[in-house]
Structure formats: structure tokens, C-alpha cells
Amino acid sequence: MTHQDPLCQLVEMFEQWRATRLNRNAPTPMSLRQQALLLTNTYPSDKIATTLRISGGQLKQWREAGGA
């Protein structure tokens, strides 16, 4: 059994959500936001934002809103 990188796992979760959301303007689920913010303890914010295909400003906004 292989251990998958947490950032890669989150990328897959974001892609699944994007594929199944009802419309493009749907807000990112809180569970995905929280997991992204938890990864800021391990990865630089710019790497997380780029890899998840979100803006750095979005990640910052989630942090300021107390998402984690």
C-alpha cells in the first residue's frame, strides 16, 4: 500500500467536486477549504494555490474567515 501525498489527495478531491458541482459559481465546500488551510502548515501557500487551481487571494480569504 502506498502513501499518497496529502496535496495530491486534495487535488483529486477538488477535481471531483469541480466535476460534480451544479454550477461554476458554487462556493467551495467548507471541508475542502479546511483541508487546504491545514496544508499551509506543510506547503507554501503559493504552491497550494497553484496546485489546487485557486487564487492566492482565495486561500488568504479563507484563512481570514477562520476556515481552519
PDB file of N, CA and C in Angstrom:
ATOM      1  N   MET A   1       0.851  -1.173   0.000  1.00  0.00           N
ATOM      2  CA  MET A   1       0.000   0.000   0.000  1.00  0.00           C
ATOM      3  C   MET A   1       0.897   1.236   0.000  1.00  0.00           C
ATOM      4  N   THR A   2       0.625   2.165  -0.891  1.00  0.00           N
ATOM      5  CA  THR A   2       1.440   3.364  -0.974  1.00  0.00           C
ATOM      6  C   THR A   2       0.747   4.519  -0.279  1.00  0.00           C
ATOM      7  N   HIS A   3       1.565   5.390   0.280  1.00  0.00           N
ATOM      8  CA  HIS A   3       1.044   6.582   0.945  1.00  0.00           C
ATOM      9  C   HIS A   3       1.053   7.725  -0.064  1.00  0.00           C
ATOM     10  N   GLN A   4      -0.124   8.264  -0.349  1.00  0.00           N
ATOM     11  CA  GLN A   4      -0.221   9.347  -1.323  1.00  0.00           C
ATOM     12  C   GLN A   4      -0.024  10.684  -0.620  1.00  0.00           C
ATOM     13  N   ASP A   5       0.660  11.579  -1.310  1.00  0.00           N
ATOM     14  CA  ASP A   5       0.907  12.917  -0.813  1.00  0.00           C
ATOM     15  C   ASP A   5      -0.423  13.607  -0.492  1.00  0.00           C
ATOM     16  N   PRO A   6      -0.547  14.266   0.673  1.00  0.00           N
ATOM     17  CA  PRO A   6      -1.810  14.919   1.039  1.00  0.00           C
ATOM     18  C   PRO A   6      -2.255  15.983   0.041  1.00  0.00           C
ATOM     19  N   LEU A   7      -1.315  16.688  -0.557  1.00  0.00           N
ATOM     20  CA  LEU A   7      -1.686  17.696  -1.544  1.00  0.00           C
ATOM     21  C   LEU A   7      -2.269  17.031  -2.779  1.00  0.00           C
ATOM     22  N   CYS A   8      -1.703  15.923  -3.204  1.00  0.00           N
ATOM     23  CA  CYS A   8      -2.244  15.186  -4.353  1.00  0.00           C
ATOM     24  C   CYS A   8      -3.639  14.657  -4.056  1.00  0.00           C
ATOM     25  N   GLN A   9      -3.845  14.184  -2.843  1.00  0.00           N
ATOM     26  CA  GLN A   9      -5.169  13.704  -2.451  1.00  0.00           C
ATOM     27  C   GLN A   9      -6.186  14.841  -2.524  1.00  0.00           C
ATOM     28  N   LEU A  10      -5.779  16.017  -2.059  1.00  0.00           N
ATOM     29  CA  LEU A  10      -6.692  17.154  -2.072  1.00  0.00           C
ATOM     30  C   LEU A  10      -6.979  17.616  -3.500  1.00  0.00           C
ATOM     31  N   VAL A  11      -5.984  17.539  -4.368  1.00  0.00           N
ATOM     32  CA  VAL A  11      -6.205  17.870  -5.780  1.00  0.00           C
ATOM     33  C   VAL A  11      -7.302  16.978  -6.343  1.00  0.00           C
ATOM     34  N   GLU A  12      -7.240  15.696  -6.054  1.00  0.00           N
ATOM     35  CA  GLU A  12      -8.255  14.760  -6.537  1.00  0.00           C
ATOM     36  C   GLU A  12      -9.637  15.116  -5.988  1.00  0.00           C
ATOM     37  N   MET A  13      -9.696  15.517  -4.732  1.00  0.00           N
ATOM     38  CA  MET A  13     -10.968  15.892  -4.123  1.00  0.00           C
ATOM     39  C   MET A  13     -11.530  17.166  -4.773  1.00  0.00           C
ATOM     40  N   PHE A  14     -10.660  18.144  -5.038  1.00  0.00           N
ATOM     41  CA  PHE A  14     -11.094  19.369  -5.711  1.00  0.00           C
ATOM     42  C   PHE A  14     -11.607  19.054  -7.113  1.00  0.00           C
ATOM     43  N   GLU A  15     -10.907  18.179  -7.827  1.00  0.00           N
ATOM     44  CA  GLU A  15     -11.312  17.826  -9.182  1.00  0.00           C
ATOM     45  C   GLU A  15     -12.664  17.105  -9.175  1.00  0.00           C
ATOM     46  N   GLN A  16     -12.860  16.229  -8.208  1.00  0.00           N
ATOM     47  CA  GLN A  16     -14.145  15.531  -8.086  1.00  0.00           C
ATOM     48  C   GLN A  16     -15.260  16.533  -7.819  1.00  0.00           C
ATOM     49  N   TRP A  17     -15.024  17.482  -6.923  1.00  0.00           N
ATOM     50  CA  TRP A  17     -16.028  18.494  -6.623  1.00  0.00           C
ATOM     51  C   TRP A  17     -16.319  19.343  -7.860  1.00  0.00           C
ATOM     52  N   ARG A  18     -15.283  19.754  -8.559  1.00  0.00           N
ATOM     53  CA  ARG A  18     -15.487  20.564  -9.767  1.00  0.00           C
ATOM     54  C   ARG A  18     -16.304  19.813 -10.814  1.00  0.00           C
ATOM     55  N   ALA A  19     -16.079  18.516 -10.918  1.00  0.00           N
ATOM     56  CA  ALA A  19     -16.789  17.716 -11.917  1.00  0.00           C
ATOM     57  C   ALA A  19     -18.261  17.512 -11.571  1.00  0.00           C
ATOM     58  N   THR A  20     -18.608  17.624 -10.293  1.00  0.00           N
ATOM     59  CA  THR A  20     -19.975  17.322  -9.874  1.00  0.00           C
ATOM     60  C   THR A  20     -20.762  18.530  -9.375  1.00  0.00           C
ATOM     61  N   ARG A  21     -20.131  19.699  -9.269  1.00  0.00           N
ATOM     62  CA  ARG A  21     -20.866  20.870  -8.775  1.00  0.00           C
ATOM     63  C   ARG A  21     -21.942  21.270  -9.781  1.00  0.00           C
ATOM     64  N   LEU A  22     -22.995  21.868  -9.272  1.00  0.00           N
ATOM     65  CA  LEU A  22     -24.139  22.193 -10.119  1.00  0.00           C
ATOM     66  C   LEU A  22     -23.890  23.391 -11.028  1.00  0.00           C
ATOM     67  N   ASN A  23     -23.126  24.350 -10.552  1.00  0.00           N
ATOM     68  CA  ASN A  23     -22.792  25.491 -11.403  1.00  0.00           C
ATOM     69  C   ASN A  23     -21.413  26.012 -11.049  1.00  0.00           C
ATOM     70  N   ARG A  24     -20.853  26.754 -11.973  1.00  0.00           N
ATOM     71  CA  ARG A  24     -19.486  27.241 -11.835  1.00  0.00           C
ATOM     72  C   ARG A  24     -19.306  28.198 -10.652  1.00  0.00           C
ATOM     73  N   ASN A  25     -20.370  28.847 -10.245  1.00  0.00           N
ATOM     74  CA  ASN A  25     -20.292  29.824  -9.158  1.00  0.00           C
ATOM     75  C   ASN A  25     -20.540  29.220  -7.774  1.00  0.00           C
ATOM     76  N   ALA A  26     -20.667  27.923  -7.703  1.00  0.00           N
ATOM     77  CA  ALA A  26     -20.898  27.262  -6.416  1.00  0.00           C
ATOM     78  C   ALA A  26     -19.701  27.501  -5.495  1.00  0.00           C
ATOM     79  N   PRO A  27     -19.954  27.858  -4.244  1.00  0.00           N
ATOM     80  CA  PRO A  27     -18.835  28.079  -3.318  1.00  0.00           C
ATOM     81  C   PRO A  27     -18.104  26.779  -3.006  1.00  0.00           C
ATOM     82  N   THR A  28     -16.823  26.902  -2.754  1.00  0.00           N
ATOM     83  CA  THR A  28     -16.014  25.738  -2.392  1.00  0.00           C
ATOM     84  C   THR A  28     -16.515  25.194  -1.056  1.00  0.00           C
ATOM     85  N   PRO A  29     -16.754  23.903  -0.971  1.00  0.00           N
ATOM     86  CA  PRO A  29     -17.232  23.315   0.289  1.00  0.00           C
ATOM     87  C   PRO A  29     -16.255  23.594   1.448  1.00  0.00           C
ATOM     88  N   MET A  30     -16.817  23.794   2.616  1.00  0.00           N
ATOM     89  CA  MET A  30     -16.018  24.109   3.799  1.00  0.00           C
ATOM     90  C   MET A  30     -14.985  23.023   4.079  1.00  0.00           C
ATOM     91  N   SER A  31     -15.330  21.764   3.848  1.00  0.00           N
ATOM     92  CA  SER A  31     -14.375  20.685   4.126  1.00  0.00           C
ATOM     93  C   SER A  31     -13.131  20.812   3.245  1.00  0.00           C
ATOM     94  N   LEU A  32     -13.306  21.208   1.986  1.00  0.00           N
ATOM     95  CA  LEU A  32     -12.151  21.389   1.099  1.00  0.00           C
ATOM     96  C   LEU A  32     -11.348  22.615   1.517  1.00  0.00           C
ATOM     97  N   ARG A  33     -12.031  23.657   1.908  1.00  0.00           N
ATOM     98  CA  ARG A  33     -11.335  24.868   2.377  1.00  0.00           C
ATOM     99  C   ARG A  33     -10.466  24.545   3.586  1.00  0.00           C
ATOM    100  N   GLN A  34     -11.054  23.830   4.541  1.00  0.00           N
ATOM    101  CA  GLN A  34     -10.328  23.499   5.767  1.00  0.00           C
ATOM    102  C   GLN A  34      -9.106  22.647   5.475  1.00  0.00           C
ATOM    103  N   GLN A  35      -9.246  21.685   4.588  1.00  0.00           N
ATOM    104  CA  GLN A  35      -8.108  20.832   4.255  1.00  0.00           C
ATOM    105  C   GLN A  35      -7.004  21.618   3.557  1.00  0.00           C
ATOM    106  N   ALA A  36      -7.393  22.549   2.692  1.00  0.00           N
ATOM    107  CA  ALA A  36      -6.401  23.394   2.019  1.00  0.00           C
ATOM    108  C   ALA A  36      -5.644  24.231   3.044  1.00  0.00           C
ATOM    109  N   LEU A  37      -6.372  24.777   4.010  1.00  0.00           N
ATOM    110  CA  LEU A  37      -5.721  25.602   5.028  1.00  0.00           C
ATOM    111  C   LEU A  37      -4.815  24.773   5.933  1.00  0.00           C
ATOM    112  N   LEU A  38      -5.203  23.553   6.217  1.00  0.00           N
ATOM    113  CA  LEU A  38      -4.348  22.680   7.034  1.00  0.00           C
ATOM    114  C   LEU A  38      -3.014  22.397   6.337  1.00  0.00           C
ATOM    115  N   LEU A  39      -3.050  22.343   5.017  1.00  0.00           N
ATOM    116  CA  LEU A  39      -1.818  22.072   4.276  1.00  0.00           C
ATOM    117  C   LEU A  39      -0.840  23.243   4.311  1.00  0.00           C
ATOM    118  N   THR A  40      -1.301  24.430   4.720  1.00  0.00           N
ATOM    119  CA  THR A  40      -0.383  25.571   4.799  1.00  0.00           C
ATOM    120  C   THR A  40       0.656  25.362   5.893  1.00  0.00           C
ATOM    121  N   ASN A  41       0.443  24.379   6.757  1.00  0.00           N
ATOM    122  CA  ASN A  41       1.446  24.032   7.767  1.00  0.00           C
ATOM    123  C   ASN A  41       2.595  23.225   7.156  1.00  0.00           C
ATOM    124  N   THR A  42       2.358  22.676   5.970  1.00  0.00           N
ATOM    125  CA  THR A  42       3.329  21.791   5.322  1.00  0.00           C
ATOM    126  C   THR A  42       3.902  22.368   4.039  1.00  0.00           C
ATOM    127  N   TYR A  43       3.065  23.076   3.285  1.00  0.00           N
ATOM    128  CA  TYR A  43       3.448  23.594   1.969  1.00  0.00           C
ATOM    129  C   TYR A  43       3.319  25.119   1.927  1.00  0.00           C
ATOM    130  N   PRO A  44       4.092  25.770   1.071  1.00  0.00           N
ATOM    131  CA  PRO A  44       3.920  27.209   0.883  1.00  0.00           C
ATOM    132  C   PRO A  44       2.540  27.504   0.272  1.00  0.00           C
ATOM    133  N   SER A  45       1.950  28.605   0.665  1.00  0.00           N
ATOM    134  CA  SER A  45       0.619  28.967   0.183  1.00  0.00           C
ATOM    135  C   SER A  45       0.551  29.059  -1.332  1.00  0.00           C
ATOM    136  N   ASP A  46       1.602  29.591  -1.962  1.00  0.00           N
ATOM    137  CA  ASP A  46       1.567  29.723  -3.423  1.00  0.00           C
ATOM    138  C   ASP A  46       1.555  28.356  -4.109  1.00  0.00           C
ATOM    139  N   LYS A  47       2.234  27.387  -3.529  1.00  0.00           N
ATOM    140  CA  LYS A  47       2.222  26.033  -4.102  1.00  0.00           C
ATOM    141  C   LYS A  47       0.830  25.417  -3.973  1.00  0.00           C
ATOM    142  N   ILE A  48       0.197  25.608  -2.844  1.00  0.00           N
ATOM    143  CA  ILE A  48      -1.150  25.078  -2.628  1.00  0.00           C
ATOM    144  C   ILE A  48      -2.120  25.708  -3.623  1.00  0.00           C
ATOM    145  N   ALA A  49      -2.075  27.034  -3.719  1.00  0.00           N
ATOM    146  CA  ALA A  49      -2.994  27.733  -4.614  1.00  0.00           C
ATOM    147  C   ALA A  49      -2.801  27.290  -6.061  1.00  0.00           C
ATOM    148  N   THR A  50      -1.573  27.237  -6.505  1.00  0.00           N
ATOM    149  CA  THR A  50      -1.290  26.840  -7.888  1.00  0.00           C
ATOM    150  C   THR A  50      -1.733  25.403  -8.147  1.00  0.00           C
ATOM    151  N   THR A  51      -1.402  24.519  -7.249  1.00  0.00           N
ATOM    152  CA  THR A  51      -1.714  23.100  -7.431  1.00  0.00           C
ATOM    153  C   THR A  51      -3.220  22.840  -7.412  1.00  0.00           C
ATOM    154  N   LEU A  52      -3.944  23.565  -6.545  1.00  0.00           N
ATOM    155  CA  LEU A  52      -5.392  23.376  -6.450  1.00  0.00           C
ATOM    156  C   LEU A  52      -6.162  24.206  -7.471  1.00  0.00           C
ATOM    157  N   ARG A  53      -5.441  25.040  -8.210  1.00  0.00           N
ATOM    158  CA  ARG A  53      -6.048  25.933  -9.202  1.00  0.00           C
ATOM    159  C   ARG A  53      -7.039  26.904  -8.559  1.00  0.00           C
ATOM    160  N   ILE A  54      -6.584  27.503  -7.460  1.00  0.00           N
ATOM    161  CA  ILE A  54      -7.335  28.583  -6.822  1.00  0.00           C
ATOM    162  C   ILE A  54      -6.398  29.773  -6.732  1.00  0.00           C
ATOM    163  N   SER A  55      -6.943  30.941  -6.433  1.00  0.00           N
ATOM    164  CA  SER A  55      -6.089  32.111  -6.320  1.00  0.00           C
ATOM    165  C   SER A  55      -5.486  32.175  -4.919  1.00  0.00           C
ATOM    166  N   GLY A  56      -4.338  32.803  -4.837  1.00  0.00           N
ATOM    167  CA  GLY A  56      -3.730  33.022  -3.529  1.00  0.00           C
ATOM    168  C   GLY A  56      -4.631  33.870  -2.660  1.00  0.00           C
ATOM    169  N   GLY A  57      -5.331  34.809  -3.290  1.00  0.00           N
ATOM    170  CA  GLY A  57      -6.270  35.662  -2.555  1.00  0.00           C
ATOM    171  C   GLY A  57      -7.416  34.868  -1.961  1.00  0.00           C
ATOM    172  N   GLN A  58      -7.857  33.846  -2.680  1.00  0.00           N
ATOM    173  CA  GLN A  58      -8.933  32.997  -2.171  1.00  0.00           C
ATOM    174  C   GLN A  58      -8.473  32.247  -0.934  1.00  0.00           C
ATOM    175  N   LEU A  59      -7.268  31.716  -0.986  1.00  0.00           N
ATOM    176  CA  LEU A  59      -6.715  30.998   0.163  1.00  0.00           C
ATOM    177  C   LEU A  59      -6.582  31.938   1.362  1.00  0.00           C
ATOM    178  N   LYS A  60      -6.121  33.144   1.107  1.00  0.00           N
ATOM    179  CA  LYS A  60      -5.986  34.134   2.170  1.00  0.00           C
ATOM    180  C   LYS A  60      -7.353  34.494   2.754  1.00  0.00           C
ATOM    181  N   GLN A  61      -8.348  34.645   1.896  1.00  0.00           N
ATOM    182  CA  GLN A  61      -9.688  34.973   2.343  1.00  0.00           C
ATOM    183  C   GLN A  61     -10.251  33.865   3.245  1.00  0.00           C
ATOM    184  N   TRP A  62     -10.016  32.617   2.856  1.00  0.00           N
ATOM    185  CA  TRP A  62     -10.465  31.504   3.679  1.00  0.00           C
ATOM    186  C   TRP A  62      -9.786  31.538   5.034  1.00  0.00           C
ATOM    187  N   ARG A  63      -8.495  31.847   5.049  1.00  0.00           N
ATOM    188  CA  ARG A  63      -7.745  31.892   6.311  1.00  0.00           C
ATOM    189  C   ARG A  63      -8.309  32.982   7.212  1.00  0.00           C
ATOM    190  N   GLU A  64      -8.559  34.154   6.640  1.00  0.00           N
ATOM    191  CA  GLU A  64      -9.065  35.290   7.416  1.00  0.00           C
ATOM    192  C   GLU A  64     -10.492  35.037   7.936  1.00  0.00           C
ATOM    193  N   ALA A  65     -11.253  34.222   7.206  1.00  0.00           N
ATOM    194  CA  ALA A  65     -12.616  33.898   7.610  1.00  0.00           C
ATOM    195  C   ALA A  65     -12.632  32.830   8.708  1.00  0.00           C
ATOM    196  N   GLY A  66     -11.460  32.329   9.056  1.00  0.00           N
ATOM    197  CA  GLY A  66     -11.388  31.321  10.115  1.00  0.00           C
ATOM    198  C   GLY A  66     -11.791  29.948   9.643  1.00  0.00           C
ATOM    199  N   GLY A  67     -11.411  29.610   8.412  1.00  0.00           N
ATOM    200  CA  GLY A  67     -11.795  28.348   7.817  1.00  0.00           C
ATOM    201  C   GLY A  67     -11.109  27.124   8.380  1.00  0.00           C
ATOM    202  N   ALA A  68     -10.110  27.320   9.249  1.00  0.00           N
ATOM    203  CA  ALA A  68      -9.449  26.125   9.808  1.00  0.00           C
ATOM    204  C   ALA A  68      -9.278  26.265  11.295  1.00  0.00           C
TER     205      ALA A  68
END
